[in-house]
């Protein structure tokens, strides 16, 4: 026989689920200029509290890189709004945490010049060459990359 859960307090949910929340964060993330200049990357952990209407009332960055990344993560979390299921007319505050990743795009090296090495090998002058069937032959090759 299946047992019924005794919990009557339901967790808040972001509309659209976790994938919608990740898309929202990715769309609204503004990489801080100081972090770009210093090539700072990492994950910021933000702990936040929700009121009974699903709005973030307090957000604090506890771990992660500095250079403006923590402030940007707190700003993003304060933009989030959750849906709270009805909890028997109770006023409940929720405490959750979220990790926001700051990753710079990978730089691709650009090759601006084509390098080339040319070798030409020329036989000995005609008066010094021994008599052979290949008399007076020259050859060369080029290496490019």
N, C-alpha and C. Protein backbone atom coordinates (compact mmCIF):
# COMPACT_ATOMS: atom_id res chain seq x y z
N UNK A 1 0.84 -1.17 0.00
CA UNK A 1 0.00 0.00 0.00
C UNK A 1 0.89 1.24 0.00
N UNK A 2 0.62 2.20 -0.87
CA UNK A 2 1.44 3.41 -0.98
C UNK A 2 1.18 4.31 0.21
N UNK A 3 2.26 4.87 0.70
CA UNK A 3 2.17 5.74 1.86
C UNK A 3 2.03 7.19 1.41
N UNK A 4 1.17 7.94 2.02
CA UNK A 4 0.94 9.33 1.68
C UNK A 4 1.98 10.20 2.38
N UNK A 5 2.51 11.21 1.66
CA UNK A 5 3.50 12.11 2.25
C UNK A 5 2.84 13.03 3.27
N UNK A 6 3.55 13.27 4.36
CA UNK A 6 3.02 14.12 5.42
C UNK A 6 3.35 15.60 5.24
N UNK A 7 4.09 15.94 4.22
CA UNK A 7 4.48 17.34 4.06
C UNK A 7 3.35 18.13 3.43
N UNK A 8 3.11 19.31 3.96
CA UNK A 8 2.11 20.18 3.38
C UNK A 8 2.72 21.50 2.94
N UNK A 9 4.02 21.68 3.15
CA UNK A 9 4.72 22.86 2.67
C UNK A 9 5.43 22.47 1.39
N UNK A 10 5.08 23.14 0.30
CA UNK A 10 5.62 22.81 -1.01
C UNK A 10 6.71 23.81 -1.39
N UNK A 11 7.70 23.32 -2.08
CA UNK A 11 8.82 24.17 -2.49
C UNK A 11 8.41 25.11 -3.62
N UNK A 12 9.03 26.29 -3.66
CA UNK A 12 8.75 27.21 -4.77
C UNK A 12 9.37 26.68 -6.07
N UNK A 13 8.75 27.04 -7.19
CA UNK A 13 9.20 26.55 -8.49
C UNK A 13 9.35 27.76 -9.43
N UNK A 14 10.40 27.73 -10.23
CA UNK A 14 10.56 28.77 -11.25
C UNK A 14 9.66 28.40 -12.43
N UNK A 15 8.89 29.37 -12.97
CA UNK A 15 8.01 29.06 -14.10
C UNK A 15 8.82 28.54 -15.30
N UNK A 16 8.53 27.36 -15.75
CA UNK A 16 9.25 26.76 -16.88
C UNK A 16 10.32 25.80 -16.43
N UNK A 17 10.60 25.73 -15.16
CA UNK A 17 11.57 24.78 -14.64
C UNK A 17 13.01 25.28 -14.65
N UNK A 18 13.92 24.37 -14.41
CA UNK A 18 15.34 24.70 -14.29
C UNK A 18 15.93 25.17 -15.62
N UNK A 19 15.48 24.59 -16.73
CA UNK A 19 16.03 25.00 -18.02
C UNK A 19 15.62 26.43 -18.36
N UNK A 20 14.41 26.82 -18.00
CA UNK A 20 13.96 28.20 -18.24
C UNK A 20 14.74 29.17 -17.36
N UNK A 21 15.05 28.76 -16.13
CA UNK A 21 15.83 29.62 -15.24
C UNK A 21 17.25 29.78 -15.78
N UNK A 22 17.86 28.71 -16.25
CA UNK A 22 19.20 28.81 -16.81
C UNK A 22 19.22 29.70 -18.05
N UNK A 23 18.19 29.60 -18.88
CA UNK A 23 18.10 30.46 -20.07
C UNK A 23 17.95 31.92 -19.67
N UNK A 24 17.15 32.20 -18.64
CA UNK A 24 16.97 33.57 -18.15
C UNK A 24 18.29 34.13 -17.63
N UNK A 25 19.01 33.33 -16.84
CA UNK A 25 20.28 33.79 -16.29
C UNK A 25 21.30 34.04 -17.39
N UNK A 26 21.36 33.16 -18.36
CA UNK A 26 22.31 33.31 -19.47
C UNK A 26 21.99 34.55 -20.29
N UNK A 27 20.70 34.83 -20.50
CA UNK A 27 20.28 35.98 -21.29
C UNK A 27 20.57 37.31 -20.60
N UNK A 28 20.42 37.35 -19.28
CA UNK A 28 20.55 38.60 -18.53
C UNK A 28 21.92 38.80 -17.88
N UNK A 29 22.80 37.83 -18.01
CA UNK A 29 24.14 37.95 -17.41
C UNK A 29 24.96 39.00 -18.15
N UNK A 30 25.50 39.95 -17.41
CA UNK A 30 26.42 40.94 -17.96
C UNK A 30 27.77 40.71 -17.30
N UNK A 31 28.73 40.28 -18.08
CA UNK A 31 30.05 39.97 -17.53
C UNK A 31 30.71 41.27 -17.08
N UNK A 32 31.16 41.38 -15.83
CA UNK A 32 31.79 42.61 -15.35
C UNK A 32 33.07 42.95 -16.10
N UNK A 33 33.30 44.23 -16.34
CA UNK A 33 34.49 44.67 -17.09
C UNK A 33 35.78 44.30 -16.38
N UNK A 34 35.82 44.44 -15.05
CA UNK A 34 37.04 44.10 -14.31
C UNK A 34 37.35 42.61 -14.45
N UNK A 35 36.33 41.79 -14.46
CA UNK A 35 36.53 40.34 -14.62
C UNK A 35 36.99 40.00 -16.04
N UNK A 36 36.50 40.74 -17.03
CA UNK A 36 36.96 40.52 -18.41
C UNK A 36 38.44 40.87 -18.54
N UNK A 37 38.83 42.01 -17.98
CA UNK A 37 40.21 42.46 -18.10
C UNK A 37 41.17 41.51 -17.39
N UNK A 38 40.76 40.99 -16.23
CA UNK A 38 41.61 40.08 -15.47
C UNK A 38 41.42 38.62 -15.85
N UNK A 39 40.53 38.34 -16.84
CA UNK A 39 40.23 36.98 -17.28
C UNK A 39 39.78 36.10 -16.11
N UNK A 40 38.91 36.67 -15.25
CA UNK A 40 38.40 35.97 -14.08
C UNK A 40 37.25 35.07 -14.48
N UNK A 41 37.32 33.81 -14.06
CA UNK A 41 36.27 32.84 -14.31
C UNK A 41 35.98 32.08 -13.02
N UNK A 42 34.81 31.47 -12.96
CA UNK A 42 34.49 30.65 -11.80
C UNK A 42 32.99 30.60 -11.56
N UNK A 43 32.64 29.98 -10.45
CA UNK A 43 31.24 29.79 -10.09
C UNK A 43 30.97 30.55 -8.79
N UNK A 44 29.89 31.33 -8.78
CA UNK A 44 29.51 32.11 -7.60
C UNK A 44 28.30 31.43 -6.97
N UNK A 45 28.37 31.18 -5.68
CA UNK A 45 27.26 30.59 -4.94
C UNK A 45 26.50 31.71 -4.25
N UNK A 46 25.19 31.79 -4.52
CA UNK A 46 24.34 32.82 -3.95
C UNK A 46 23.27 32.16 -3.10
N UNK A 47 23.16 32.58 -1.85
CA UNK A 47 22.10 32.10 -0.97
C UNK A 47 21.04 33.20 -0.90
N UNK A 48 19.78 32.83 -1.07
CA UNK A 48 18.73 33.82 -1.13
C UNK A 48 17.49 33.35 -0.38
N UNK A 49 16.65 34.33 -0.01
CA UNK A 49 15.40 34.06 0.69
C UNK A 49 14.24 34.56 -0.14
N UNK A 50 13.15 33.79 -0.13
CA UNK A 50 11.94 34.14 -0.86
C UNK A 50 10.82 34.43 0.13
N UNK A 51 9.99 35.42 -0.17
CA UNK A 51 8.83 35.66 0.67
C UNK A 51 7.67 34.79 0.21
N UNK A 52 6.50 34.99 0.82
CA UNK A 52 5.35 34.15 0.49
C UNK A 52 4.78 34.41 -0.89
N UNK A 53 5.20 35.50 -1.56
CA UNK A 53 4.73 35.80 -2.91
C UNK A 53 5.70 35.31 -4.00
N UNK A 54 6.86 34.79 -3.61
CA UNK A 54 7.82 34.25 -4.56
C UNK A 54 8.88 35.24 -5.01
N UNK A 55 8.99 36.39 -4.35
CA UNK A 55 10.00 37.38 -4.71
C UNK A 55 11.22 37.23 -3.81
N UNK A 56 12.38 37.48 -4.38
CA UNK A 56 13.62 37.39 -3.62
C UNK A 56 13.72 38.63 -2.73
N UNK A 57 13.84 38.41 -1.42
CA UNK A 57 13.92 39.54 -0.51
C UNK A 57 15.33 39.76 0.03
N UNK A 58 16.16 38.73 -0.04
CA UNK A 58 17.53 38.85 0.44
C UNK A 58 18.40 37.90 -0.36
N UNK A 59 19.55 38.40 -0.84
CA UNK A 59 20.48 37.56 -1.59
C UNK A 59 21.90 37.92 -1.18
N UNK A 60 22.72 36.91 -0.90
CA UNK A 60 24.11 37.11 -0.48
C UNK A 60 25.00 36.12 -1.22
N UNK A 61 26.07 36.63 -1.81
CA UNK A 61 27.05 35.76 -2.46
C UNK A 61 28.01 35.25 -1.39
N UNK A 62 28.13 33.94 -1.25
CA UNK A 62 28.96 33.37 -0.18
C UNK A 62 30.30 32.86 -0.68
N UNK A 63 30.36 32.37 -1.91
CA UNK A 63 31.60 31.84 -2.46
C UNK A 63 31.72 32.26 -3.91
N UNK A 64 32.97 32.33 -4.37
CA UNK A 64 33.19 32.59 -5.78
C UNK A 64 34.19 33.70 -6.03
N UNK A 65 34.54 33.89 -7.29
CA UNK A 65 35.52 34.91 -7.64
C UNK A 65 34.97 36.32 -7.44
N UNK A 66 35.89 37.25 -7.27
CA UNK A 66 35.50 38.65 -7.06
C UNK A 66 35.56 39.38 -8.40
N UNK A 67 36.07 40.57 -8.45
CA UNK A 67 36.15 41.41 -9.66
C UNK A 67 34.78 41.73 -10.22
N UNK A 68 33.76 41.84 -9.35
CA UNK A 68 32.43 42.20 -9.79
C UNK A 68 31.53 41.01 -10.08
N UNK A 69 32.05 39.80 -10.06
CA UNK A 69 31.23 38.61 -10.36
C UNK A 69 30.19 38.37 -9.27
N UNK A 70 30.57 38.57 -8.03
CA UNK A 70 29.62 38.35 -6.93
C UNK A 70 28.46 39.33 -6.99
N UNK A 71 28.77 40.60 -7.25
CA UNK A 71 27.71 41.61 -7.33
C UNK A 71 26.75 41.32 -8.48
N UNK A 72 27.30 40.88 -9.61
CA UNK A 72 26.47 40.56 -10.77
C UNK A 72 25.59 39.36 -10.49
N UNK A 73 26.11 38.36 -9.78
CA UNK A 73 25.31 37.18 -9.44
C UNK A 73 24.16 37.56 -8.52
N UNK A 74 24.41 38.43 -7.54
CA UNK A 74 23.35 38.88 -6.62
C UNK A 74 22.30 39.66 -7.40
N UNK A 75 22.73 40.51 -8.34
CA UNK A 75 21.79 41.27 -9.14
C UNK A 75 20.87 40.34 -9.94
N UNK A 76 21.46 39.30 -10.54
CA UNK A 76 20.68 38.35 -11.32
C UNK A 76 19.65 37.60 -10.46
N UNK A 77 20.07 37.17 -9.29
CA UNK A 77 19.17 36.40 -8.43
C UNK A 77 18.00 37.29 -7.98
N UNK A 78 18.25 38.57 -7.75
CA UNK A 78 17.17 39.45 -7.33
C UNK A 78 16.14 39.68 -8.43
N UNK A 79 16.47 39.38 -9.68
CA UNK A 79 15.52 39.49 -10.78
C UNK A 79 14.57 38.30 -10.86
N UNK A 80 14.92 37.19 -10.25
CA UNK A 80 14.11 35.98 -10.33
C UNK A 80 12.80 36.12 -9.56
N UNK A 81 11.74 35.51 -10.09
CA UNK A 81 10.45 35.42 -9.40
C UNK A 81 9.95 33.99 -9.52
N UNK A 82 9.54 33.44 -8.40
CA UNK A 82 9.12 32.05 -8.32
C UNK A 82 7.61 31.95 -8.12
N UNK A 83 7.07 30.77 -8.41
CA UNK A 83 5.66 30.47 -8.14
C UNK A 83 5.63 29.64 -6.87
N UNK A 84 4.80 30.09 -5.91
CA UNK A 84 4.70 29.38 -4.63
C UNK A 84 3.32 28.72 -4.57
N UNK A 85 3.27 27.39 -4.41
CA UNK A 85 1.98 26.72 -4.26
C UNK A 85 1.31 27.15 -2.95
N UNK A 86 0.01 27.06 -2.89
CA UNK A 86 -0.73 27.43 -1.68
C UNK A 86 -0.36 26.49 -0.55
N UNK A 87 -0.04 27.06 0.59
CA UNK A 87 0.37 26.26 1.75
C UNK A 87 -0.57 26.48 2.93
N UNK A 88 -1.82 26.11 2.79
CA UNK A 88 -2.79 26.13 3.88
C UNK A 88 -2.82 27.48 4.60
N UNK A 89 -2.79 28.58 3.85
CA UNK A 89 -2.88 29.94 4.38
C UNK A 89 -1.77 30.26 5.37
N UNK A 90 -0.61 29.67 5.14
CA UNK A 90 0.54 29.95 6.01
C UNK A 90 1.49 30.89 5.30
N UNK A 91 2.14 31.75 6.03
CA UNK A 91 3.16 32.64 5.48
C UNK A 91 4.53 32.01 5.76
N UNK A 92 5.17 31.52 4.71
CA UNK A 92 6.42 30.78 4.87
C UNK A 92 7.51 31.48 4.07
N UNK A 93 8.70 31.60 4.66
CA UNK A 93 9.87 32.10 3.94
C UNK A 93 10.72 30.90 3.53
N UNK A 94 11.22 30.98 2.32
CA UNK A 94 12.02 29.89 1.78
C UNK A 94 13.46 30.35 1.64
N UNK A 95 14.38 29.46 1.94
CA UNK A 95 15.81 29.75 1.81
C UNK A 95 16.41 28.73 0.84
N UNK A 96 17.03 29.25 -0.20
CA UNK A 96 17.62 28.37 -1.20
C UNK A 96 18.98 28.90 -1.60
N UNK A 97 19.70 28.13 -2.41
CA UNK A 97 20.98 28.59 -2.95
C UNK A 97 21.05 28.23 -4.43
N UNK A 98 21.92 28.96 -5.13
CA UNK A 98 22.05 28.80 -6.57
C UNK A 98 23.50 29.10 -6.94
N UNK A 99 24.04 28.36 -7.90
CA UNK A 99 25.39 28.62 -8.41
C UNK A 99 25.29 29.21 -9.80
N UNK A 100 25.99 30.31 -10.02
CA UNK A 100 26.01 30.97 -11.32
C UNK A 100 27.43 30.91 -11.85
N UNK A 101 27.59 30.37 -13.06
CA UNK A 101 28.91 30.20 -13.65
C UNK A 101 29.28 31.41 -14.51
N UNK A 102 30.52 31.86 -14.35
CA UNK A 102 31.08 32.93 -15.16
C UNK A 102 32.20 32.32 -15.98
N UNK A 103 31.98 32.18 -17.28
CA UNK A 103 32.97 31.60 -18.19
C UNK A 103 33.15 32.52 -19.38
N UNK A 104 34.40 32.87 -19.65
CA UNK A 104 34.71 33.67 -20.82
C UNK A 104 34.78 32.77 -22.04
N UNK A 105 34.46 33.29 -23.22
CA UNK A 105 34.59 32.47 -24.42
C UNK A 105 36.06 32.15 -24.68
N UNK A 106 36.30 30.99 -25.21
CA UNK A 106 37.67 30.56 -25.52
C UNK A 106 38.20 31.36 -26.70
N UNK A 107 39.42 31.81 -26.58
CA UNK A 107 40.04 32.58 -27.65
C UNK A 107 40.68 31.64 -28.66
N UNK A 108 40.42 31.88 -29.92
CA UNK A 108 41.04 31.09 -30.98
C UNK A 108 42.22 31.87 -31.53
N UNK A 109 43.38 31.26 -31.61
CA UNK A 109 44.52 32.00 -32.15
C UNK A 109 44.32 32.29 -33.63
N UNK A 110 44.68 33.48 -34.01
CA UNK A 110 44.56 33.88 -35.41
C UNK A 110 45.94 33.86 -36.06
N UNK A 111 46.04 33.22 -37.20
CA UNK A 111 47.28 33.21 -37.96
C UNK A 111 47.15 34.30 -39.01
N UNK A 112 47.95 35.32 -38.87
CA UNK A 112 47.80 36.46 -39.76
C UNK A 112 48.77 36.41 -40.93
N UNK A 113 49.89 35.76 -40.78
CA UNK A 113 50.86 35.71 -41.88
C UNK A 113 51.11 34.26 -42.25
N UNK A 114 51.37 34.06 -43.50
CA UNK A 114 51.72 32.73 -43.98
C UNK A 114 53.23 32.64 -44.02
N UNK A 115 53.76 31.64 -43.38
CA UNK A 115 55.20 31.49 -43.33
C UNK A 115 55.64 30.53 -44.44
N UNK A 116 56.76 30.86 -45.01
CA UNK A 116 57.23 30.06 -46.14
C UNK A 116 58.75 30.01 -46.12
N UNK A 117 59.26 28.84 -46.36
CA UNK A 117 60.70 28.64 -46.46
C UNK A 117 60.97 28.06 -47.85
N UNK A 118 61.91 28.63 -48.54
CA UNK A 118 62.24 28.16 -49.89
C UNK A 118 63.70 27.74 -49.93
N UNK A 119 63.94 26.56 -50.47
CA UNK A 119 65.29 26.06 -50.65
C UNK A 119 65.52 25.84 -52.15
N UNK A 120 66.62 26.30 -52.64
CA UNK A 120 67.02 26.02 -54.02
C UNK A 120 68.41 25.43 -53.98
N UNK A 121 68.54 24.28 -54.55
CA UNK A 121 69.84 23.63 -54.60
C UNK A 121 70.28 23.62 -56.06
N UNK A 122 71.42 24.20 -56.29
CA UNK A 122 71.94 24.34 -57.65
C UNK A 122 73.19 23.50 -57.75
N UNK A 123 73.35 22.83 -58.86
CA UNK A 123 74.52 22.00 -59.07
C UNK A 123 75.79 22.84 -59.19
N UNK A 124 76.92 22.20 -59.26
CA UNK A 124 78.23 22.88 -59.38
C UNK A 124 78.33 23.56 -60.75
N UNK A 125 79.18 24.58 -60.91
CA UNK A 125 79.35 25.22 -62.21
C UNK A 125 79.74 24.20 -63.27
N UNK A 126 79.44 24.52 -64.54
CA UNK A 126 79.60 23.57 -65.62
C UNK A 126 81.04 23.06 -65.77
N UNK A 127 82.02 23.93 -65.58
CA UNK A 127 83.39 23.46 -65.77
C UNK A 127 83.86 22.52 -64.66
N UNK A 128 83.21 22.57 -63.46
CA UNK A 128 83.62 21.69 -62.37
C UNK A 128 82.79 20.42 -62.29
N UNK A 129 81.70 20.32 -63.06
CA UNK A 129 80.81 19.17 -62.98
C UNK A 129 81.43 17.96 -63.65
N UNK A 130 81.34 16.84 -63.00
CA UNK A 130 81.79 15.62 -63.67
C UNK A 130 80.76 15.21 -64.71
N UNK A 131 81.21 14.46 -65.68
CA UNK A 131 80.34 14.00 -66.75
C UNK A 131 79.39 12.96 -66.19
N UNK A 132 78.08 13.24 -66.31
CA UNK A 132 77.06 12.29 -65.86
C UNK A 132 75.79 12.53 -66.66
N UNK A 133 74.87 11.59 -66.65
CA UNK A 133 73.64 11.77 -67.42
C UNK A 133 72.79 12.94 -66.90
N UNK A 134 72.96 13.37 -65.66
CA UNK A 134 72.16 14.45 -65.10
C UNK A 134 72.93 15.76 -65.13
N UNK A 135 73.76 15.93 -66.02
CA UNK A 135 74.62 17.10 -66.06
C UNK A 135 73.78 18.37 -66.20
N UNK A 136 74.02 19.38 -65.30
CA UNK A 136 73.35 20.66 -65.36
C UNK A 136 71.96 20.67 -64.73
N UNK A 137 71.64 19.68 -63.88
CA UNK A 137 70.29 19.65 -63.28
C UNK A 137 70.25 20.49 -62.01
N UNK A 138 69.13 21.17 -61.80
CA UNK A 138 68.87 21.95 -60.59
C UNK A 138 67.54 21.47 -60.01
N UNK A 139 67.36 21.59 -58.71
CA UNK A 139 66.06 21.27 -58.13
C UNK A 139 65.84 22.16 -56.91
N UNK A 140 64.58 22.26 -56.45
CA UNK A 140 64.21 23.08 -55.30
C UNK A 140 62.89 22.61 -54.73
N UNK A 141 62.59 23.08 -53.52
CA UNK A 141 61.31 22.76 -52.92
C UNK A 141 60.92 23.91 -51.99
N UNK A 142 59.63 23.98 -51.68
CA UNK A 142 59.07 25.04 -50.83
C UNK A 142 58.24 24.41 -49.74
N UNK A 143 58.42 24.88 -48.49
CA UNK A 143 57.63 24.41 -47.35
C UNK A 143 56.74 25.58 -46.92
N UNK A 144 55.46 25.36 -46.87
CA UNK A 144 54.53 26.41 -46.45
C UNK A 144 53.68 25.89 -45.30
N UNK A 145 53.35 26.78 -44.36
CA UNK A 145 52.39 26.44 -43.30
C UNK A 145 51.71 27.67 -42.81
